[in-house]
């Protein structure tokens, strides 16, 4: 019985006694069709075979390289069945690896490849993703299905994207060498896979079409696309593209390349189910999907204020405020309500501060955005009319009230936040600054806020 180390050395010597050689020697053996067991080695490691040992035989027997057929050294003792079995596991029979098929590029594939390569190389892409809860849409879709009307989740997504583009016109644009062209209609390009490649037929005026009309339009265009019967005007142009891989459940999200001259593309992955404590009832499973947008860096999109898509009203202004109202403004978000005792003491102080700085250079662009936590619309209107200046406010019942309350953690009011144009909290000690500023120098406080926003 041998000890462990001796046993290993014994096995190693026994198994390699006749075949010990390096890679270079093995290549020579194969090159000249020799077998290592017929060569006596002279090397220092168990008489391993050296290149000089091989060359002696080559020169003595005047051998020439084997050109037509290469035989594996017999001492490996690898059975053919074993090789075939392994090849089946890792990709099929060996014979299938010897053949290939050249598939010529179609004109459309060639054009797509060139355009998207240029897009990726020349357009700086920015990627953004967000989780979206879609329980209500899925419930509505199921009701429509039960009533005999079949619409896809993608039809709802097209409609939602179209409404968003209408709400934020700075994204509903095309890029040209001369500049950005803001479009008058919202035309959504929908990616469709066809035998000849990916093509994007256009759903025109998607913002004014109903979901059922969008569904019918998509089915018609998809059918024409797969039959290669689309007219040029049905797939050239568009203001925004949607690519949906949600039908492949394993694809949670992905990014895409912008389709010029458009400036953005939306990608949709599969839905997933998660448990959310804040849902009612608690621990109810909700369905989520994560859209991703790929957008180009250009000033119109980058400079859009985060409040541009939030409907705002203001005393003396009919309808809602324009989308660019908050551009280049210093914004403080103020959460309060008529029933809040602390708010009744704080609001007069904010009004005093606001009036003191409004005429100064530092404070002329200050906007206090009031977010009401009142329980009824009448209470909100009464509090605004009796207690507040001409500050912008979100109408009662708008979903953005709750969204902003969650974003800025306004659980206990009053809450004051200095925010930047992207909605980030730049300074959260606004209340203390206001109370100190009205006793000292409010304009100096305003100047400090502007410095914070520039950082």
Protein backbone atom coordinates (compact mmCIF):
# COMPACT_ATOMS: atom_id res chain seq x y z
CA UNK A 1 0.00 0.00 0.00
CA UNK A 2 1.49 3.36 -1.01
CA UNK A 3 1.14 6.61 0.93
CA UNK A 4 -1.06 9.32 -0.60
CA UNK A 5 1.72 11.38 -2.21
CA UNK A 6 3.61 8.31 -3.41
CA UNK A 7 0.41 6.85 -4.86
CA UNK A 8 -0.28 10.01 -6.86
CA UNK A 9 3.29 10.06 -8.21
CA UNK A 10 3.02 6.37 -9.06
CA UNK A 11 -0.25 6.87 -10.95
CA UNK A 12 1.11 9.90 -12.78
CA UNK A 13 4.23 8.01 -13.83
CA UNK A 14 2.26 4.94 -14.83
CA UNK A 15 -0.22 6.83 -16.97
CA UNK A 16 2.30 9.09 -18.70
CA UNK A 17 5.39 6.82 -18.81
CA UNK A 18 5.28 6.42 -22.56
CA UNK A 19 3.75 9.72 -23.61
CA UNK A 20 5.32 12.49 -21.54
CA UNK A 21 6.01 15.39 -23.91
CA UNK A 22 5.31 19.09 -24.23
CA UNK A 23 2.93 20.90 -26.61
CA UNK A 24 5.65 21.68 -29.15
CA UNK A 25 6.66 18.01 -29.30
CA UNK A 26 3.03 16.93 -29.74
CA UNK A 27 2.69 19.29 -32.71
CA UNK A 28 5.81 17.77 -34.29
CA UNK A 29 4.43 14.27 -33.77
CA UNK A 30 1.15 15.21 -35.43
CA UNK A 31 2.99 17.13 -38.17
CA UNK A 32 4.99 14.05 -39.19
CA UNK A 33 2.39 11.40 -38.30
CA UNK A 34 4.48 9.81 -35.55
CA UNK A 35 3.41 7.97 -32.41
CA UNK A 36 5.08 8.86 -29.14
CA UNK A 37 5.22 5.25 -27.92
CA UNK A 38 7.68 4.44 -30.73
CA UNK A 39 10.09 7.18 -29.69
CA UNK A 40 12.59 6.82 -26.89
CA UNK A 41 12.82 10.02 -24.92
CA UNK A 42 16.02 11.53 -23.56
CA UNK A 43 14.57 14.27 -21.38
CA UNK A 44 15.29 14.73 -17.66
CA UNK A 45 11.66 14.18 -16.58
CA UNK A 46 11.03 10.44 -16.69
CA UNK A 47 12.77 10.29 -20.06
CA UNK A 48 10.28 12.71 -21.58
CA UNK A 49 10.41 13.17 -25.33
CA UNK A 50 12.28 16.22 -26.58
CA UNK A 51 12.03 17.93 -29.96
CA UNK A 52 15.53 16.72 -30.73
CA UNK A 53 14.36 13.13 -30.20
CA UNK A 54 11.63 13.61 -32.78
CA UNK A 55 13.88 15.37 -35.29
CA UNK A 56 16.45 12.54 -35.11
CA UNK A 57 13.81 10.10 -36.36
CA UNK A 58 12.54 12.56 -38.98
CA UNK A 59 16.04 13.05 -40.36
CA UNK A 60 16.99 9.38 -40.13
CA UNK A 61 13.84 8.18 -41.91
CA UNK A 62 13.67 11.26 -44.17
CA UNK A 63 10.04 11.85 -43.21
CA UNK A 64 7.87 14.52 -44.79
CA UNK A 65 4.97 16.39 -43.14
CA UNK A 66 1.58 14.73 -43.33
CA UNK A 67 -0.67 16.96 -45.48
CA UNK A 68 -3.80 15.01 -46.35
CA UNK A 69 -4.81 13.25 -43.17
CA UNK A 70 -3.98 13.75 -39.52
CA UNK A 71 -4.16 10.80 -37.15
CA UNK A 72 -4.52 11.30 -33.44
CA UNK A 73 -1.85 9.46 -31.40
CA UNK A 74 -3.20 5.99 -30.62
CA UNK A 75 -2.02 5.99 -27.03
CA UNK A 76 -4.83 8.39 -26.09
CA UNK A 77 -7.27 5.46 -26.44
CA UNK A 78 -10.27 7.77 -26.96
CA UNK A 79 -13.15 5.85 -28.40
CA UNK A 80 -15.09 7.30 -31.32
CA UNK A 81 -18.38 6.77 -29.50
CA UNK A 82 -17.13 8.91 -26.63
CA UNK A 83 -16.25 11.76 -29.00
CA UNK A 84 -19.65 11.59 -30.70
CA UNK A 85 -21.42 11.57 -27.34
CA UNK A 86 -19.60 14.71 -26.18
CA UNK A 87 -20.25 16.49 -29.47
CA UNK A 88 -23.96 15.76 -29.10
CA UNK A 89 -23.94 17.37 -25.64
CA UNK A 90 -22.15 20.55 -26.73
CA UNK A 91 -23.94 21.27 -29.95
CA UNK A 92 -24.70 18.30 -32.18
CA UNK A 93 -22.78 15.85 -34.29
CA UNK A 94 -19.26 16.82 -35.42
CA UNK A 95 -20.29 16.52 -39.06
CA UNK A 96 -22.71 19.41 -38.62
CA UNK A 97 -19.81 21.69 -37.64
CA UNK A 98 -18.10 21.16 -40.99
CA UNK A 99 -20.86 22.85 -42.97
CA UNK A 100 -22.25 26.39 -42.92
CA UNK A 101 -24.60 28.48 -45.00
CA UNK A 102 -23.99 32.04 -46.18
CA UNK A 103 -27.18 34.12 -46.03
CA UNK A 104 -26.91 37.29 -48.14
CA UNK A 105 -28.11 40.52 -46.54
CA UNK A 106 -31.38 41.85 -47.86
CA UNK A 107 -31.53 45.53 -48.77
CA UNK A 108 -33.66 46.33 -45.73
CA UNK A 109 -31.30 44.52 -43.32
CA UNK A 110 -28.33 46.32 -44.83
CA UNK A 111 -30.01 49.72 -44.50
CA UNK A 112 -31.09 49.01 -40.90
CA UNK A 113 -27.58 47.91 -39.94
CA UNK A 114 -25.97 51.02 -41.43
CA UNK A 115 -28.48 53.46 -39.94
CA UNK A 116 -28.47 52.01 -36.43
CA UNK A 117 -24.67 51.69 -36.41
CA UNK A 118 -24.43 55.37 -37.34
CA UNK A 119 -27.04 56.22 -34.69
CA UNK A 120 -25.13 54.46 -31.92
CA UNK A 121 -21.83 56.02 -32.99
CA UNK A 122 -23.06 59.57 -33.58
CA UNK A 123 -25.92 60.09 -31.11
CA UNK A 124 -25.11 60.25 -27.37
CA UNK A 125 -27.67 57.90 -25.79
CA UNK A 126 -29.09 58.39 -22.30
CA UNK A 127 -30.97 55.48 -20.67
CA UNK A 128 -33.67 55.77 -18.00
CA UNK A 129 -35.92 53.13 -16.47
CA UNK A 130 -38.81 53.16 -14.03
CA UNK A 131 -41.20 50.63 -12.50
CA UNK A 132 -44.85 51.12 -13.47
CA UNK A 133 -47.77 49.46 -11.67
CA UNK A 134 -50.29 48.18 -14.21
CA UNK A 135 -52.92 46.40 -12.10
CA UNK A 136 -55.73 48.73 -13.23
CA UNK A 137 -54.84 48.29 -16.90
CA UNK A 138 -54.73 44.51 -16.59
CA UNK A 139 -58.10 44.55 -14.83
CA UNK A 140 -59.62 46.72 -17.56
CA UNK A 141 -58.11 44.53 -20.27
CA UNK A 142 -59.65 41.45 -18.65
CA UNK A 143 -63.08 43.12 -18.54
CA UNK A 144 -62.82 44.01 -22.23
CA UNK A 145 -61.77 40.47 -23.04
CA UNK A 146 -64.76 39.03 -21.17
CA UNK A 147 -67.05 41.32 -23.16
CA UNK A 148 -65.60 40.06 -26.44
CA UNK A 149 -63.10 42.85 -27.12
CA UNK A 150 -59.47 41.79 -27.34
CA UNK A 151 -56.80 44.46 -26.90
CA UNK A 152 -53.17 43.95 -25.99
CA UNK A 153 -51.18 45.54 -23.21
CA UNK A 154 -49.06 47.12 -25.93
CA UNK A 155 -52.13 48.99 -27.23
CA UNK A 156 -52.51 50.66 -23.84
CA UNK A 157 -48.78 51.46 -23.76
CA UNK A 158 -48.99 53.14 -27.18
CA UNK A 159 -51.90 55.28 -25.97
CA UNK A 160 -50.11 56.19 -22.72
CA UNK A 161 -46.92 57.13 -24.58
CA UNK A 162 -48.89 59.25 -27.05
CA UNK A 163 -50.62 61.17 -24.25
CA UNK A 164 -47.27 61.69 -22.53
CA UNK A 165 -45.77 63.09 -25.73
CA UNK A 166 -48.70 65.45 -26.15
CA UNK A 167 -48.25 66.54 -22.54
CA UNK A 168 -44.48 67.06 -22.95
CA UNK A 169 -44.02 68.42 -26.49
CA UNK A 170 -40.27 68.89 -25.97
CA UNK A 171 -39.90 65.14 -26.55
CA UNK A 172 -42.27 64.97 -29.54
CA UNK A 173 -39.58 66.21 -31.92
CA UNK A 174 -37.28 65.24 -34.77
CA UNK A 175 -33.62 66.08 -35.14
CA UNK A 176 -32.38 67.77 -38.32
CA UNK A 177 -28.98 69.27 -39.22
CA UNK A 178 -30.60 72.70 -38.96
CA UNK A 179 -32.08 72.08 -35.51
CA UNK A 180 -34.91 70.45 -33.62
CA UNK A 181 -38.35 70.30 -35.27
CA UNK A 182 -41.29 70.23 -32.86
CA UNK A 183 -44.03 68.12 -34.43
CA UNK A 184 -47.69 69.01 -34.62
CA UNK A 185 -48.97 65.44 -34.42
CA UNK A 186 -48.06 62.47 -32.23
CA UNK A 187 -47.12 59.56 -34.51
CA UNK A 188 -45.91 56.41 -32.75
CA UNK A 189 -43.63 53.95 -34.55
CA UNK A 190 -44.21 50.36 -33.40
CA UNK A 191 -41.40 47.82 -33.87
CA UNK A 192 -42.60 44.71 -35.73
CA UNK A 193 -40.45 41.64 -36.46
CA UNK A 194 -40.78 40.35 -40.04
CA UNK A 195 -38.99 37.61 -42.02
CA UNK A 196 -36.87 40.30 -43.71
CA UNK A 197 -35.99 42.22 -40.55
CA UNK A 198 -37.37 44.67 -38.02
CA UNK A 199 -39.60 47.43 -39.34
CA UNK A 200 -41.50 50.22 -37.57
CA UNK A 201 -44.93 51.00 -39.04
CA UNK A 202 -46.48 54.22 -37.76
CA UNK A 203 -49.70 54.73 -35.80
CA UNK A 204 -50.54 58.30 -36.78
CA UNK A 205 -52.29 60.69 -34.37
CA UNK A 206 -52.13 58.09 -31.61
CA UNK A 207 -52.89 60.70 -28.96
CA UNK A 208 -56.42 61.26 -30.30
CA UNK A 209 -57.21 57.63 -31.15
CA UNK A 210 -58.95 55.36 -28.67
CA UNK A 211 -57.31 52.15 -27.49
CA UNK A 212 -59.61 50.04 -29.70
CA UNK A 213 -58.74 52.14 -32.75
CA UNK A 214 -55.04 51.84 -31.92
CA UNK A 215 -55.42 48.06 -31.60
CA UNK A 216 -57.08 47.78 -35.02
CA UNK A 217 -54.45 50.03 -36.58
CA UNK A 218 -51.55 48.02 -35.14
CA UNK A 219 -53.03 44.71 -36.34
CA UNK A 220 -53.51 46.10 -39.85
CA UNK A 221 -50.02 47.60 -40.06
CA UNK A 222 -48.36 44.50 -38.57
CA UNK A 223 -50.06 42.29 -41.16
CA UNK A 224 -48.94 44.54 -44.01
CA UNK A 225 -45.41 44.62 -42.59
CA UNK A 226 -45.10 40.83 -42.44
CA UNK A 227 -46.35 40.59 -46.03
CA UNK A 228 -43.90 43.33 -47.15
CA UNK A 229 -46.82 45.47 -48.36
CA UNK A 230 -46.22 48.65 -46.34
CA UNK A 231 -46.09 51.89 -48.29
CA UNK A 232 -43.08 54.15 -47.56
CA UNK A 233 -45.25 56.73 -45.80
CA UNK A 234 -46.52 54.00 -43.46
CA UNK A 235 -43.09 53.33 -41.94
CA UNK A 236 -40.93 56.38 -42.69
CA UNK A 237 -41.07 59.25 -40.19
CA UNK A 238 -42.83 59.05 -36.86
CA UNK A 239 -41.95 60.97 -33.73
CA UNK A 240 -41.29 58.19 -31.20
CA UNK A 241 -40.68 54.43 -31.31
CA UNK A 242 -41.90 51.65 -29.00
CA UNK A 243 -40.20 48.24 -28.96
CA UNK A 244 -41.93 45.59 -26.83
CA UNK A 245 -40.37 42.24 -25.84
CA UNK A 246 -42.87 41.66 -23.06
CA UNK A 247 -44.18 38.54 -24.79
CA UNK A 248 -40.88 36.90 -23.83
CA UNK A 249 -41.45 36.56 -20.11
CA UNK A 250 -37.77 36.15 -19.28
CA UNK A 251 -36.92 39.61 -20.68
CA UNK A 252 -37.43 41.96 -17.75
CA UNK A 253 -36.00 45.05 -19.48
CA UNK A 254 -33.64 46.03 -22.28
CA UNK A 255 -32.30 49.11 -24.04
CA UNK A 256 -32.49 50.03 -27.71
CA UNK A 257 -30.85 52.27 -30.28
CA UNK A 258 -32.57 55.51 -31.28
CA UNK A 259 -34.13 55.42 -34.75
CA UNK A 260 -33.08 58.71 -36.41
CA UNK A 261 -34.35 61.34 -37.03
CA UNK A 262 -36.35 60.58 -33.89
CA UNK A 263 -34.84 61.55 -30.55
CA UNK A 264 -36.12 58.78 -28.26
CA UNK A 265 -37.27 55.16 -28.14
CA UNK A 266 -39.24 53.31 -25.45
CA UNK A 267 -38.56 49.64 -24.66
CA UNK A 268 -40.93 47.37 -22.75
CA UNK A 269 -39.99 44.14 -20.98
CA UNK A 270 -42.17 41.52 -19.34
CA UNK A 271 -44.45 42.06 -16.36
CA UNK A 272 -43.70 40.71 -12.92
CA UNK A 273 -45.66 40.31 -9.71
CA UNK A 274 -44.46 41.83 -6.45
CA UNK A 275 -45.93 42.29 -2.99
CA UNK A 276 -46.40 45.87 -1.79
CA UNK A 277 -47.21 46.77 1.80
CA UNK A 278 -48.61 50.15 0.86
CA UNK A 279 -51.27 48.65 -1.38
CA UNK A 280 -54.79 48.05 -0.14
CA UNK A 281 -55.36 45.50 1.24
CA UNK A 282 -51.84 45.15 2.67
CA UNK A 283 -49.51 42.54 1.14
CA UNK A 284 -51.57 42.42 -2.06
CA UNK A 285 -49.53 41.23 -5.03
CA UNK A 286 -49.29 43.86 -7.77
CA UNK A 287 -48.18 43.59 -11.40
CA UNK A 288 -45.28 45.77 -12.51
CA UNK A 289 -43.38 46.36 -15.70
CA UNK A 290 -40.22 48.39 -16.24
CA UNK A 291 -40.13 50.57 -19.35
CA UNK A 292 -36.77 51.95 -20.47
CA UNK A 293 -36.26 55.05 -22.59
CA UNK A 294 -33.25 55.73 -24.76
CA UNK A 295 -33.10 59.44 -25.49
CA UNK A 296 -30.64 61.79 -27.16
CA UNK A 297 -28.92 64.58 -25.28
CA UNK A 298 -30.39 67.79 -26.55
CA UNK A 299 -31.26 71.00 -24.77
CA UNK A 300 -35.03 70.82 -25.26
CA UNK A 301 -35.32 67.53 -23.40
CA UNK A 302 -32.59 68.06 -20.84
CA UNK A 303 -33.98 71.45 -19.74
CA UNK A 304 -37.60 70.40 -19.35
CA UNK A 305 -38.63 71.10 -15.74
CA UNK A 306 -39.89 68.14 -13.75
CA UNK A 307 -43.15 70.03 -13.08
CA UNK A 308 -43.78 70.52 -16.82
CA UNK A 309 -46.03 67.46 -16.91
CA UNK A 310 -47.90 68.35 -13.70
CA UNK A 311 -51.15 70.31 -14.26
CA UNK A 312 -50.96 73.56 -12.29
CA UNK A 313 -53.42 76.36 -11.68
CA UNK A 314 -52.88 79.89 -10.45
CA UNK A 315 -55.12 82.77 -9.48
CA UNK A 316 -55.69 85.06 -12.44
CA UNK A 317 -54.72 82.46 -15.06
CA UNK A 318 -57.37 80.61 -17.06
CA UNK A 319 -56.82 76.89 -17.47
CA UNK A 320 -53.54 75.28 -16.47
CA UNK A 321 -50.12 76.91 -16.55
CA UNK A 322 -47.98 76.44 -19.69
CA UNK A 323 -45.44 73.60 -19.70
CA UNK A 324 -42.48 75.97 -19.61
CA UNK A 325 -43.81 78.07 -16.72
CA UNK A 326 -41.21 76.80 -14.23
CA UNK A 327 -38.22 77.04 -16.56
CA UNK A 328 -35.40 79.02 -14.90
CA UNK A 329 -37.45 79.45 -11.73
CA UNK A 330 -36.42 78.87 -8.11
CA UNK A 331 -39.03 76.44 -6.79
CA UNK A 332 -40.04 75.75 -3.20
CA UNK A 333 -42.68 73.03 -2.73
CA UNK A 334 -45.02 73.72 0.21
CA UNK A 335 -47.28 70.98 1.62
CA UNK A 336 -50.05 72.31 3.87
CA UNK A 337 -53.83 72.26 4.45
CA UNK A 338 -56.61 74.35 5.94
CA UNK A 339 -57.15 71.88 8.79
CA UNK A 340 -53.46 71.97 9.81
CA UNK A 341 -52.86 74.11 12.91
CA UNK A 342 -49.10 74.40 12.38
CA UNK A 343 -49.71 75.47 8.78
CA UNK A 344 -51.83 78.41 9.96
CA UNK A 345 -48.85 79.74 11.90
CA UNK A 346 -46.27 79.03 9.18
CA UNK A 347 -48.14 80.29 6.10
CA UNK A 348 -48.07 84.00 7.14
CA UNK A 349 -44.30 83.74 7.68
CA UNK A 350 -43.80 82.27 4.21
CA UNK A 351 -45.96 85.02 2.70
CA UNK A 352 -43.89 87.67 4.49
CA UNK A 353 -40.65 86.11 3.24
CA UNK A 354 -42.03 85.78 -0.29
CA UNK A 355 -43.16 89.41 -0.44
CA UNK A 356 -39.82 90.61 0.95
CA UNK A 357 -37.70 88.91 -1.72
CA UNK A 358 -40.02 89.02 -4.73
CA UNK A 359 -38.89 92.49 -5.81
CA UNK A 360 -35.19 91.69 -5.42
CA UNK A 361 -32.91 90.38 -8.17
CA UNK A 362 -32.31 87.19 -6.21
CA UNK A 363 -35.97 86.48 -5.55
CA UNK A 364 -37.77 87.69 -8.67
CA UNK A 365 -38.02 84.12 -10.03
CA UNK A 366 -39.08 82.50 -6.76
CA UNK A 367 -42.16 80.28 -7.03
CA UNK A 368 -43.88 78.71 -4.02
CA UNK A 369 -45.76 75.65 -5.32
CA UNK A 370 -48.62 74.83 -2.97
CA UNK A 371 -49.55 71.15 -2.62
CA UNK A 372 -52.80 70.85 -0.70
CA UNK A 373 -53.47 68.02 1.73
CA UNK A 374 -57.09 69.11 2.20
CA UNK A 375 -59.77 66.43 2.27
CA UNK A 376 -62.27 68.15 -0.04
CA UNK A 377 -62.06 70.40 -3.09
CA UNK A 378 -64.16 73.12 -1.41
CA UNK A 379 -61.76 73.25 1.55
CA UNK A 380 -58.79 73.59 -0.79
CA UNK A 381 -60.41 76.43 -2.73
CA UNK A 382 -61.48 78.25 0.43
CA UNK A 383 -58.02 78.02 2.00
CA UNK A 384 -56.34 79.23 -1.20
CA UNK A 385 -58.65 82.20 -1.67
CA UNK A 386 -58.48 83.37 1.95
CA UNK A 387 -54.89 82.66 2.92
CA UNK A 388 -52.52 82.32 -0.03
CA UNK A 389 -51.03 84.72 -2.60
CA UNK A 390 -51.00 83.96 -6.32
CA UNK A 391 -48.99 80.78 -5.88
CA UNK A 392 -49.25 77.89 -8.36
CA UNK A 393 -51.10 74.87 -6.99
CA UNK A 394 -52.11 71.36 -8.07
CA UNK A 395 -55.90 70.98 -8.47
CA UNK A 396 -57.70 68.85 -5.90
CA UNK A 397 -57.85 65.15 -6.69
CA UNK A 398 -54.92 65.14 -9.12
CA UNK A 399 -52.75 62.04 -8.68
CA UNK A 400 -49.59 64.18 -8.62
CA UNK A 401 -50.48 65.39 -5.12
CA UNK A 402 -49.97 61.90 -3.73
CA UNK A 403 -46.94 61.27 -5.94
CA UNK A 404 -45.17 64.39 -4.71
CA UNK A 405 -46.16 63.66 -1.10
CA UNK A 406 -44.52 60.24 -1.40
CA UNK A 407 -41.51 61.64 -3.24
CA UNK A 408 -40.81 64.28 -0.58
CA UNK A 409 -42.02 62.18 2.38
CA UNK A 410 -44.66 64.75 3.31
CA UNK A 411 -46.46 62.55 5.84
CA UNK A 412 -46.64 65.15 8.62
CA UNK A 413 -47.27 68.70 7.42
CA UNK A 414 -46.25 71.45 6.99
CA UNK A 415 -43.32 70.50 4.74
CA UNK A 416 -41.10 72.87 2.76
CA UNK A 417 -38.50 71.72 0.20
CA UNK A 418 -36.20 73.65 -2.12
CA UNK A 419 -36.00 71.54 -5.31
CA UNK A 420 -34.00 71.69 -8.52
CA UNK A 421 -35.36 71.45 -12.07
CA UNK A 422 -35.15 67.65 -12.01
CA UNK A 423 -37.16 67.39 -8.79
CA UNK A 424 -34.25 66.58 -6.49
CA UNK A 425 -34.25 68.07 -3.00
CA UNK A 426 -31.54 70.72 -2.99
CA UNK A 427 -32.23 71.95 0.57
CA UNK A 428 -34.66 70.68 3.21
CA UNK A 429 -34.14 73.26 5.99
CA UNK A 430 -36.30 75.80 4.20
CA UNK A 431 -38.68 76.32 7.13
CA UNK A 432 -35.82 77.23 9.48
CA UNK A 433 -34.35 79.54 6.82
CA UNK A 434 -37.67 81.33 6.32
CA UNK A 435 -38.25 81.86 10.03
CA UNK A 436 -34.70 83.14 10.51
CA UNK A 437 -34.72 85.18 7.29
CA UNK A 438 -37.77 87.30 8.09
CA UNK A 439 -36.04 88.36 11.32
CA UNK A 440 -32.75 89.19 9.62
CA UNK A 441 -32.16 89.47 5.85
CA UNK A 442 -34.53 87.44 3.63
CA UNK A 443 -32.74 88.53 0.44
CA UNK A 444 -29.47 87.11 1.76
CA UNK A 445 -31.28 83.84 2.50
CA UNK A 446 -32.58 83.82 -1.07
CA UNK A 447 -29.06 84.34 -2.40
CA UNK A 448 -27.86 81.37 -0.35
CA UNK A 449 -30.59 79.21 -1.87
CA UNK A 450 -29.48 80.15 -5.37
CA UNK A 451 -25.90 79.22 -4.52
CA UNK A 452 -27.12 75.83 -3.29
CA UNK A 453 -28.98 75.23 -6.56
CA UNK A 454 -25.84 75.99 -8.58
CA UNK A 455 -23.74 73.44 -6.71
